[in-house]
């Protein structure tokens, strides 16, 4: 799994973590907030879902079902 900083903020403290969503996985390392990046599988599934929804929406708005 890869990880990336969530913000350009230079220093994070334990007190700052209270403002984050409760379900967000993170690590605080030497003042840097690190969150996991989405995997390739996650990205692929999101694209496939978006395309399927777009096809369904296009068909429903054009009158053909």
Protein backbone atom coordinates (compact mmCIF):
# COMPACT_ATOMS: atom_id res chain seq x y z
CA UNK A 1 0.00 0.00 0.00
CA UNK A 2 1.28 3.46 -0.79
CA UNK A 3 0.76 6.49 1.39
CA UNK A 4 0.65 10.22 0.80
CA UNK A 5 0.38 13.37 2.90
CA UNK A 6 -3.24 14.56 3.22
CA UNK A 7 -2.45 18.25 3.39
CA UNK A 8 0.23 20.79 2.66
CA UNK A 9 0.20 21.75 6.34
CA UNK A 10 3.78 21.64 7.58
CA UNK A 11 3.22 20.30 11.09
CA UNK A 12 0.38 18.23 12.52
CA UNK A 13 -0.17 17.65 16.23
CA UNK A 14 -2.29 15.17 18.14
CA UNK A 15 -4.74 18.01 18.83
CA UNK A 16 -5.26 18.50 15.06
CA UNK A 17 -6.41 14.90 14.61
CA UNK A 18 -9.78 15.63 16.27
CA UNK A 19 -10.84 17.56 13.15
CA UNK A 20 -10.39 14.52 10.87
CA UNK A 21 -13.22 12.13 9.93
CA UNK A 22 -13.46 9.30 12.46
CA UNK A 23 -13.27 6.56 9.80
CA UNK A 24 -10.13 7.94 8.12
CA UNK A 25 -7.11 5.64 8.49
CA UNK A 26 -4.01 7.70 9.18
CA UNK A 27 -0.60 7.82 10.79
CA UNK A 28 1.10 10.80 12.36
CA UNK A 29 4.86 10.49 11.74
CA UNK A 30 7.21 13.26 12.85
CA UNK A 31 4.48 15.88 12.46
CA UNK A 32 3.37 14.66 9.01
CA UNK A 33 -0.12 13.26 8.54
CA UNK A 34 0.00 10.17 6.31
CA UNK A 35 -3.08 8.45 4.81
CA UNK A 36 -3.16 5.36 2.56
CA UNK A 37 -3.59 6.02 -1.15
CA UNK A 38 -6.31 4.09 -3.01
CA UNK A 39 -5.10 0.89 -4.64
CA UNK A 40 -5.23 0.25 -8.39
CA UNK A 41 -8.12 -2.19 -7.83
CA UNK A 42 -10.09 0.48 -5.95
CA UNK A 43 -9.51 3.00 -8.74
CA UNK A 44 -10.52 0.46 -11.41
CA UNK A 45 -13.75 -0.41 -9.58
CA UNK A 46 -14.62 3.28 -9.20
CA UNK A 47 -14.17 3.88 -12.94
CA UNK A 48 -16.28 0.83 -13.84
CA UNK A 49 -19.05 1.95 -11.47
CA UNK A 50 -18.99 5.47 -12.89
CA UNK A 51 -19.22 4.18 -16.46
CA UNK A 52 -22.10 1.82 -15.61
CA UNK A 53 -24.01 4.64 -13.92
CA UNK A 54 -23.36 6.96 -16.86
CA UNK A 55 -24.71 4.40 -19.35
CA UNK A 56 -27.82 3.85 -17.22
CA UNK A 57 -28.39 7.60 -16.80
CA UNK A 58 -27.91 8.26 -20.52
CA UNK A 59 -30.43 5.55 -21.44
CA UNK A 60 -32.99 6.78 -18.91
CA UNK A 61 -32.81 10.39 -20.06
CA UNK A 62 -32.94 9.57 -23.78
CA UNK A 63 -36.24 7.72 -23.43
CA UNK A 64 -34.98 4.23 -24.38
CA UNK A 65 -34.85 1.54 -21.75
